Amino acid sequence: MPTEQPKYWFRAKRYGWGWGLPLSWQGWVVFAVYFALLAGGVVWFRFDHQPVVFVTAVVLLSLVLLAVCWVKGEPPRWRWGGD
């Protein structure tokens, strides 16, 4: 019985550690939601009025994006561009 290749939402970067642009529509939806919420945070939690709330919101959104990339992306490792 052949093993099915997992379908990743995010491709690993060619150089360095981490993930690049999405591979699937699900990944693009995650990116769009992340940037929409980030833009909303800029409007709702203005940095000049609520800097701690703004930074906290950006950090939390980024951690959620990182978690989704970790679970749904190619396994992260340091890459030098060969594969």
PDB file of N, CA and C in Angstrom:
ATOM      1  N   MET A   1       0.844  -1.175   0.000  1.00  0.00           N
ATOM      2  CA  MET A   1       0.000   0.000   0.000  1.00  0.00           C
ATOM      3  C   MET A   1       0.894   1.245   0.000  1.00  0.00           C
ATOM      4  N   PRO A   2       0.811   2.081  -1.043  1.00  0.00           N
ATOM      5  CA  PRO A   2       1.669   3.263  -1.110  1.00  0.00           C
ATOM      6  C   PRO A   2       1.276   4.304  -0.068  1.00  0.00           C
ATOM      7  N   THR A   3       2.294   4.961   0.451  1.00  0.00           N
ATOM      8  CA  THR A   3       2.064   6.025   1.419  1.00  0.00           C
ATOM      9  C   THR A   3       1.782   7.321   0.676  1.00  0.00           C
ATOM     10  N   GLU A   4       0.711   7.991   1.070  1.00  0.00           N
ATOM     11  CA  GLU A   4       0.356   9.250   0.414  1.00  0.00           C
ATOM     12  C   GLU A   4       1.241  10.379   0.938  1.00  0.00           C
ATOM     13  N   GLN A   5       1.767  11.181   0.027  1.00  0.00           N
ATOM     14  CA  GLN A   5       2.602  12.332   0.370  1.00  0.00           C
ATOM     15  C   GLN A   5       1.737  13.373   1.087  1.00  0.00           C
ATOM     16  N   PRO A   6       2.176  13.873   2.238  1.00  0.00           N
ATOM     17  CA  PRO A   6       1.370  14.897   2.915  1.00  0.00           C
ATOM     18  C   PRO A   6       1.286  16.175   2.075  1.00  0.00           C
ATOM     19  N   LYS A   7       0.128  16.795   2.084  1.00  0.00           N
ATOM     20  CA  LYS A   7      -0.056  18.047   1.346  1.00  0.00           C
ATOM     21  C   LYS A   7       0.203  19.200   2.296  1.00  0.00           C
ATOM     22  N   TYR A   8       1.270  19.900   2.036  1.00  0.00           N
ATOM     23  CA  TYR A   8       1.649  21.021   2.891  1.00  0.00           C
ATOM     24  C   TYR A   8       0.980  22.303   2.414  1.00  0.00           C
ATOM     25  N   TRP A   9       0.663  23.166   3.373  1.00  0.00           N
ATOM     26  CA  TRP A   9       0.113  24.471   3.044  1.00  0.00           C
ATOM     27  C   TRP A   9       1.224  25.483   2.792  1.00  0.00           C
ATOM     28  N   PHE A  10       2.403  25.268   3.408  1.00  0.00           N
ATOM     29  CA  PHE A  10       3.516  26.212   3.297  1.00  0.00           C
ATOM     30  C   PHE A  10       4.789  25.461   2.928  1.00  0.00           C
ATOM     31  N   ARG A  11       5.490  25.963   1.937  1.00  0.00           N
ATOM     32  CA  ARG A  11       6.754  25.388   1.500  1.00  0.00           C
ATOM     33  C   ARG A  11       7.876  25.913   2.401  1.00  0.00           C
ATOM     34  N   ALA A  12       8.847  25.060   2.645  1.00  0.00           N
ATOM     35  CA  ALA A  12      10.016  25.500   3.401  1.00  0.00           C
ATOM     36  C   ALA A  12      10.836  26.458   2.538  1.00  0.00           C
ATOM     37  N   LYS A  13      11.475  27.415   3.179  1.00  0.00           N
ATOM     38  CA  LYS A  13      12.331  28.351   2.455  1.00  0.00           C
ATOM     39  C   LYS A  13      13.504  27.605   1.847  1.00  0.00           C
ATOM     40  N   ARG A  14      13.995  28.071   0.720  1.00  0.00           N
ATOM     41  CA  ARG A  14      15.139  27.439   0.075  1.00  0.00           C
ATOM     42  C   ARG A  14      16.430  27.719   0.845  1.00  0.00           C
ATOM     43  N   TYR A  15      16.551  28.915   1.372  1.00  0.00           N
ATOM     44  CA  TYR A  15      17.731  29.298   2.149  1.00  0.00           C
ATOM     45  C   TYR A  15      17.289  29.711   3.546  1.00  0.00           C
ATOM     46  N   GLY A  16      17.955  29.206   4.562  1.00  0.00           N
ATOM     47  CA  GLY A  16      17.640  29.587   5.926  1.00  0.00           C
ATOM     48  C   GLY A  16      16.645  28.644   6.564  1.00  0.00           C
ATOM     49  N   TRP A  17      15.987  29.133   7.602  1.00  0.00           N
ATOM     50  CA  TRP A  17      15.049  28.331   8.378  1.00  0.00           C
ATOM     51  C   TRP A  17      13.687  28.986   8.312  1.00  0.00           C
ATOM     52  N   GLY A  18      12.662  28.200   8.155  1.00  0.00           N
ATOM     53  CA  GLY A  18      11.308  28.744   8.168  1.00  0.00           C
ATOM     54  C   GLY A  18      10.536  28.405   6.917  1.00  0.00           C
ATOM     55  N   TRP A  19       9.501  29.175   6.657  1.00  0.00           N
ATOM     56  CA  TRP A  19       8.595  28.890   5.562  1.00  0.00           C
ATOM     57  C   TRP A  19       8.485  30.099   4.654  1.00  0.00           C
ATOM     58  N   GLY A  20       8.189  29.815   3.393  1.00  0.00           N
ATOM     59  CA  GLY A  20       8.001  30.869   2.411  1.00  0.00           C
ATOM     60  C   GLY A  20       6.528  31.083   2.125  1.00  0.00           C
ATOM     61  N   LEU A  21       6.241  31.406   0.890  1.00  0.00           N
ATOM     62  CA  LEU A  21       4.858  31.667   0.500  1.00  0.00           C
ATOM     63  C   LEU A  21       4.042  30.378   0.506  1.00  0.00           C
ATOM     64  N   PRO A  22       2.738  30.497   0.655  1.00  0.00           N
ATOM     65  CA  PRO A  22       1.876  29.313   0.699  1.00  0.00           C
ATOM     66  C   PRO A  22       1.895  28.512  -0.604  1.00  0.00           C
ATOM     67  N   LEU A  23       1.621  27.215  -0.465  1.00  0.00           N
ATOM     68  CA  LEU A  23       1.507  26.310  -1.612  1.00  0.00           C
ATOM     69  C   LEU A  23       0.063  26.049  -1.999  1.00  0.00           C
ATOM     70  N   SER A  24      -0.859  26.211  -1.070  1.00  0.00           N
ATOM     71  CA  SER A  24      -2.254  25.836  -1.311  1.00  0.00           C
ATOM     72  C   SER A  24      -3.173  27.016  -1.009  1.00  0.00           C
ATOM     73  N   TRP A  25      -4.424  26.845  -1.410  1.00  0.00           N
ATOM     74  CA  TRP A  25      -5.387  27.915  -1.158  1.00  0.00           C
ATOM     75  C   TRP A  25      -5.607  28.087   0.341  1.00  0.00           C
ATOM     76  N   GLN A  26      -5.496  26.990   1.107  1.00  0.00           N
ATOM     77  CA  GLN A  26      -5.680  27.094   2.555  1.00  0.00           C
ATOM     78  C   GLN A  26      -4.594  27.987   3.162  1.00  0.00           C
ATOM     79  N   GLY A  27      -3.371  27.831   2.677  1.00  0.00           N
ATOM     80  CA  GLY A  27      -2.279  28.678   3.150  1.00  0.00           C
ATOM     81  C   GLY A  27      -2.501  30.141   2.811  1.00  0.00           C
ATOM     82  N   TRP A  28      -3.016  30.394   1.616  1.00  0.00           N
ATOM     83  CA  TRP A  28      -3.297  31.775   1.226  1.00  0.00           C
ATOM     84  C   TRP A  28      -4.411  32.375   2.084  1.00  0.00           C
ATOM     85  N   VAL A  29      -5.388  31.560   2.456  1.00  0.00           N
ATOM     86  CA  VAL A  29      -6.458  32.048   3.342  1.00  0.00           C
ATOM     87  C   VAL A  29      -5.869  32.407   4.703  1.00  0.00           C
ATOM     88  N   VAL A  30      -4.981  31.564   5.220  1.00  0.00           N
ATOM     89  CA  VAL A  30      -4.329  31.856   6.506  1.00  0.00           C
ATOM     90  C   VAL A  30      -3.559  33.170   6.413  1.00  0.00           C
ATOM     91  N   PHE A  31      -2.798  33.356   5.332  1.00  0.00           N
ATOM     92  CA  PHE A  31      -2.053  34.606   5.132  1.00  0.00           C
ATOM     93  C   PHE A  31      -3.000  35.807   5.074  1.00  0.00           C
ATOM     94  N   ALA A  32      -4.087  35.680   4.311  1.00  0.00           N
ATOM     95  CA  ALA A  32      -5.030  36.791   4.153  1.00  0.00           C
ATOM     96  C   ALA A  32      -5.672  37.157   5.488  1.00  0.00           C
ATOM     97  N   VAL A  33      -6.071  36.150   6.261  1.00  0.00           N
ATOM     98  CA  VAL A  33      -6.675  36.414   7.576  1.00  0.00           C
ATOM     99  C   VAL A  33      -5.655  37.066   8.498  1.00  0.00           C
ATOM    100  N   TYR A  34      -4.413  36.572   8.479  1.00  0.00           N
ATOM    101  CA  TYR A  34      -3.354  37.156   9.318  1.00  0.00           C
ATOM    102  C   TYR A  34      -3.171  38.645   9.000  1.00  0.00           C
ATOM    103  N   PHE A  35      -3.024  38.960   7.716  1.00  0.00           N
ATOM    104  CA  PHE A  35      -2.785  40.355   7.348  1.00  0.00           C
ATOM    105  C   PHE A  35      -4.016  41.229   7.558  1.00  0.00           C
ATOM    106  N   ALA A  36      -5.208  40.666   7.387  1.00  0.00           N
ATOM    107  CA  ALA A  36      -6.429  41.439   7.658  1.00  0.00           C
ATOM    108  C   ALA A  36      -6.530  41.755   9.148  1.00  0.00           C
ATOM    109  N   LEU A  37      -6.260  40.766  10.000  1.00  0.00           N
ATOM    110  CA  LEU A  37      -6.294  41.020  11.447  1.00  0.00           C
ATOM    111  C   LEU A  37      -5.180  41.971  11.863  1.00  0.00           C
ATOM    112  N   LEU A  38      -4.033  41.874  11.226  1.00  0.00           N
ATOM    113  CA  LEU A  38      -2.936  42.799  11.509  1.00  0.00           C
ATOM    114  C   LEU A  38      -3.330  44.230  11.138  1.00  0.00           C
ATOM    115  N   ALA A  39      -3.954  44.385   9.982  1.00  0.00           N
ATOM    116  CA  ALA A  39      -4.412  45.720   9.569  1.00  0.00           C
ATOM    117  C   ALA A  39      -5.484  46.239  10.524  1.00  0.00           C
ATOM    118  N   GLY A  40      -6.371  45.343  10.953  1.00  0.00           N
ATOM    119  CA  GLY A  40      -7.384  45.748  11.928  1.00  0.00           C
ATOM    120  C   GLY A  40      -6.763  46.167  13.247  1.00  0.00           C
ATOM    121  N   GLY A  41      -5.706  45.477  13.651  1.00  0.00           N
ATOM    122  CA  GLY A  41      -4.994  45.848  14.876  1.00  0.00           C
ATOM    123  C   GLY A  41      -4.360  47.219  14.783  1.00  0.00           C
ATOM    124  N   VAL A  42      -3.878  47.557  13.591  1.00  0.00           N
ATOM    125  CA  VAL A  42      -3.288  48.889  13.397  1.00  0.00           C
ATOM    126  C   VAL A  42      -4.352  49.970  13.594  1.00  0.00           C
ATOM    127  N   VAL A  43      -5.572  49.692  13.144  1.00  0.00           N
ATOM    128  CA  VAL A  43      -6.656  50.669  13.261  1.00  0.00           C
ATOM    129  C   VAL A  43      -7.215  50.699  14.688  1.00  0.00           C
ATOM    130  N   TRP A  44      -7.483  49.510  15.264  1.00  0.00           N
ATOM    131  CA  TRP A  44      -8.136  49.456  16.578  1.00  0.00           C
ATOM    132  C   TRP A  44      -7.201  49.758  17.735  1.00  0.00           C
ATOM    133  N   PHE A  45      -5.984  49.233  17.661  1.00  0.00           N
ATOM    134  CA  PHE A  45      -5.031  49.415  18.762  1.00  0.00           C
ATOM    135  C   PHE A  45      -3.902  50.311  18.283  1.00  0.00           C
ATOM    136  N   ARG A  46      -4.175  51.545  18.134  1.00  0.00           N
ATOM    137  CA  ARG A  46      -3.165  52.477  17.612  1.00  0.00           C
ATOM    138  C   ARG A  46      -1.945  52.478  18.520  1.00  0.00           C
ATOM    139  N   PHE A  47      -0.794  52.358  17.880  1.00  0.00           N
ATOM    140  CA  PHE A  47       0.460  52.265  18.618  1.00  0.00           C
ATOM    141  C   PHE A  47       0.715  53.500  19.473  1.00  0.00           C
ATOM    142  N   ASP A  48       0.335  54.670  18.973  1.00  0.00           N
ATOM    143  CA  ASP A  48       0.601  55.896  19.733  1.00  0.00           C
ATOM    144  C   ASP A  48      -0.304  56.051  20.958  1.00  0.00           C
ATOM    145  N   HIS A  49      -1.439  55.326  21.002  1.00  0.00           N
ATOM    146  CA  HIS A  49      -2.342  55.409  22.149  1.00  0.00           C
ATOM    147  C   HIS A  49      -2.242  54.210  23.079  1.00  0.00           C
ATOM    148  N   GLN A  50      -2.047  53.028  22.507  1.00  0.00           N
ATOM    149  CA  GLN A  50      -2.003  51.794  23.296  1.00  0.00           C
ATOM    150  C   GLN A  50      -0.832  50.912  22.831  1.00  0.00           C
ATOM    151  N   PRO A  51       0.391  51.315  23.084  1.00  0.00           N
ATOM    152  CA  PRO A  51       1.525  50.562  22.544  1.00  0.00           C
ATOM    153  C   PRO A  51       1.623  49.133  23.077  1.00  0.00           C
ATOM    154  N   VAL A  52       1.320  48.917  24.343  1.00  0.00           N
ATOM    155  CA  VAL A  52       1.434  47.570  24.908  1.00  0.00           C
ATOM    156  C   VAL A  52       0.385  46.645  24.302  1.00  0.00           C
ATOM    157  N   VAL A  53      -0.832  47.139  24.167  1.00  0.00           N
ATOM    158  CA  VAL A  53      -1.905  46.334  23.576  1.00  0.00           C
ATOM    159  C   VAL A  53      -1.579  46.032  22.116  1.00  0.00           C
ATOM    160  N   PHE A  54      -1.081  47.031  21.392  1.00  0.00           N
ATOM    161  CA  PHE A  54      -0.738  46.841  19.984  1.00  0.00           C
ATOM    162  C   PHE A  54       0.347  45.787  19.818  1.00  0.00           C
ATOM    163  N   VAL A  55       1.421  45.898  20.570  1.00  0.00           N
ATOM    164  CA  VAL A  55       2.529  44.942  20.461  1.00  0.00           C
ATOM    165  C   VAL A  55       2.065  43.549  20.880  1.00  0.00           C
ATOM    166  N   THR A  56       1.257  43.470  21.914  1.00  0.00           N
ATOM    167  CA  THR A  56       0.730  42.171  22.351  1.00  0.00           C
ATOM    168  C   THR A  56      -0.122  41.528  21.256  1.00  0.00           C
ATOM    169  N   ALA A  57      -0.964  42.307  20.616  1.00  0.00           N
ATOM    170  CA  ALA A  57      -1.808  41.779  19.542  1.00  0.00           C
ATOM    171  C   ALA A  57      -0.955  41.272  18.378  1.00  0.00           C
ATOM    172  N   VAL A  58       0.064  42.033  17.992  1.00  0.00           N
ATOM    173  CA  VAL A  58       0.933  41.620  16.883  1.00  0.00           C
ATOM    174  C   VAL A  58       1.690  40.343  17.243  1.00  0.00           C
ATOM    175  N   VAL A  59       2.198  40.263  18.450  1.00  0.00           N
ATOM    176  CA  VAL A  59       2.935  39.067  18.881  1.00  0.00           C
ATOM    177  C   VAL A  59       2.008  37.854  18.906  1.00  0.00           C
ATOM    178  N   LEU A  60       0.810  38.003  19.454  1.00  0.00           N
ATOM    179  CA  LEU A  60      -0.120  36.875  19.507  1.00  0.00           C
ATOM    180  C   LEU A  60      -0.542  36.412  18.118  1.00  0.00           C
ATOM    181  N   LEU A  61      -0.851  37.344  17.233  1.00  0.00           N
ATOM    182  CA  LEU A  61      -1.203  36.975  15.859  1.00  0.00           C
ATOM    183  C   LEU A  61      -0.047  36.254  15.169  1.00  0.00           C
ATOM    184  N   SER A  62       1.161  36.742  15.384  1.00  0.00           N
ATOM    185  CA  SER A  62       2.334  36.128  14.759  1.00  0.00           C
ATOM    186  C   SER A  62       2.605  34.734  15.319  1.00  0.00           C
ATOM    187  N   LEU A  63       2.367  34.540  16.616  1.00  0.00           N
ATOM    188  CA  LEU A  63       2.531  33.208  17.201  1.00  0.00           C
ATOM    189  C   LEU A  63       1.511  32.224  16.640  1.00  0.00           C
ATOM    190  N   VAL A  64       0.296  32.684  16.419  1.00  0.00           N
ATOM    191  CA  VAL A  64      -0.717  31.822  15.813  1.00  0.00           C
ATOM    192  C   VAL A  64      -0.307  31.455  14.383  1.00  0.00           C
ATOM    193  N   LEU A  65       0.183  32.426  13.616  1.00  0.00           N
ATOM    194  CA  LEU A  65       0.658  32.140  12.261  1.00  0.00           C
ATOM    195  C   LEU A  65       1.814  31.148  12.297  1.00  0.00           C
ATOM    196  N   LEU A  66       2.740  31.328  13.206  1.00  0.00           N
ATOM    197  CA  LEU A  66       3.867  30.409  13.345  1.00  0.00           C
ATOM    198  C   LEU A  66       3.383  28.998  13.674  1.00  0.00           C
ATOM    199  N   ALA A  67       2.409  28.877  14.556  1.00  0.00           N
ATOM    200  CA  ALA A  67       1.871  27.566  14.925  1.00  0.00           C
ATOM    201  C   ALA A  67       1.218  26.886  13.723  1.00  0.00           C
ATOM    202  N   VAL A  68       0.460  27.639  12.936  1.00  0.00           N
ATOM    203  CA  VAL A  68      -0.173  27.059  11.746  1.00  0.00           C
ATOM    204  C   VAL A  68       0.895  26.613  10.752  1.00  0.00           C
ATOM    205  N   CYS A  69       1.912  27.430  10.542  1.00  0.00           N
ATOM    206  CA  CYS A  69       3.004  27.049   9.638  1.00  0.00           C
ATOM    207  C   CYS A  69       3.724  25.806  10.147  1.00  0.00           C
ATOM    208  N   TRP A  70       3.922  25.713  11.439  1.00  0.00           N
ATOM    209  CA  TRP A  70       4.608  24.567  12.030  1.00  0.00           C
ATOM    210  C   TRP A  70       3.822  23.276  11.798  1.00  0.00           C
ATOM    211  N   VAL A  71       2.491  23.366  11.984  1.00  0.00           N
ATOM    212  CA  VAL A  71       1.641  22.174  11.862  1.00  0.00           C
ATOM    213  C   VAL A  71       1.381  21.821  10.394  1.00  0.00           C
ATOM    214  N   LYS A  72       1.127  22.813   9.551  1.00  0.00           N
ATOM    215  CA  LYS A  72       0.688  22.559   8.176  1.00  0.00           C
ATOM    216  C   LYS A  72       1.773  22.795   7.122  1.00  0.00           C
ATOM    217  N   GLY A  73       2.984  23.168   7.543  1.00  0.00           N
ATOM    218  CA  GLY A  73       4.056  23.406   6.589  1.00  0.00           C
ATOM    219  C   GLY A  73       5.051  22.267   6.537  1.00  0.00           C
ATOM    220  N   GLU A  74       5.962  22.346   5.562  1.00  0.00           N
ATOM    221  CA  GLU A  74       7.038  21.364   5.489  1.00  0.00           C
ATOM    222  C   GLU A  74       7.841  21.423   6.784  1.00  0.00           C
ATOM    223  N   PRO A  75       8.415  20.314   7.199  1.00  0.00           N
ATOM    224  CA  PRO A  75       9.206  20.330   8.440  1.00  0.00           C
ATOM    225  C   PRO A  75      10.357  21.330   8.348  1.00  0.00           C
ATOM    226  N   PRO A  76      10.498  22.188   9.359  1.00  0.00           N
ATOM    227  CA  PRO A  76      11.548  23.212   9.295  1.00  0.00           C
ATOM    228  C   PRO A  76      12.921  22.624   9.613  1.00  0.00           C
ATOM    229  N   ARG A  77      13.906  23.103   8.895  1.00  0.00           N
ATOM    230  CA  ARG A  77      15.320  22.812   9.152  1.00  0.00           C
ATOM    231  C   ARG A  77      16.121  23.840   8.385  1.00  0.00           C
ATOM    232  N   TRP A  78      17.372  23.964   8.738  1.00  0.00           N
ATOM    233  CA  TRP A  78      18.226  24.927   8.046  1.00  0.00           C
ATOM    234  C   TRP A  78      18.512  24.405   6.648  1.00  0.00           C
ATOM    235  N   ARG A  79      18.342  25.247   5.635  1.00  0.00           N
ATOM    236  CA  ARG A  79      18.553  24.848   4.242  1.00  0.00           C
ATOM    237  C   ARG A  79      19.563  25.780   3.602  1.00  0.00           C
ATOM    238  N   TRP A  80      20.353  25.198   2.714  1.00  0.00           N
ATOM    239  CA  TRP A  80      21.377  25.932   2.000  1.00  0.00           C
ATOM    240  C   TRP A  80      21.074  26.086   0.524  1.00  0.00           C
ATOM    241  N   GLY A  81      19.866  25.729   0.092  1.00  0.00           N
ATOM    242  CA  GLY A  81      19.466  25.936  -1.286  1.00  0.00           C
ATOM    243  C   GLY A  81      19.612  24.717  -2.172  1.00  0.00           C
ATOM    244  N   GLY A  82      20.159  23.615  -1.678  1.00  0.00           N
ATOM    245  CA  GLY A  82      20.392  22.448  -2.517  1.00  0.00           C
ATOM    246  C   GLY A  82      19.162  21.615  -2.811  1.00  0.00           C
ATOM    247  N   ASP A  83      18.195  21.594  -1.891  1.00  0.00           N
ATOM    248  CA  ASP A  83      17.021  20.750  -2.106  1.00  0.00           C
ATOM    249  C   ASP A  83      15.735  21.506  -1.935  1.00  0.00           C
TER     250      ASP A  83
END
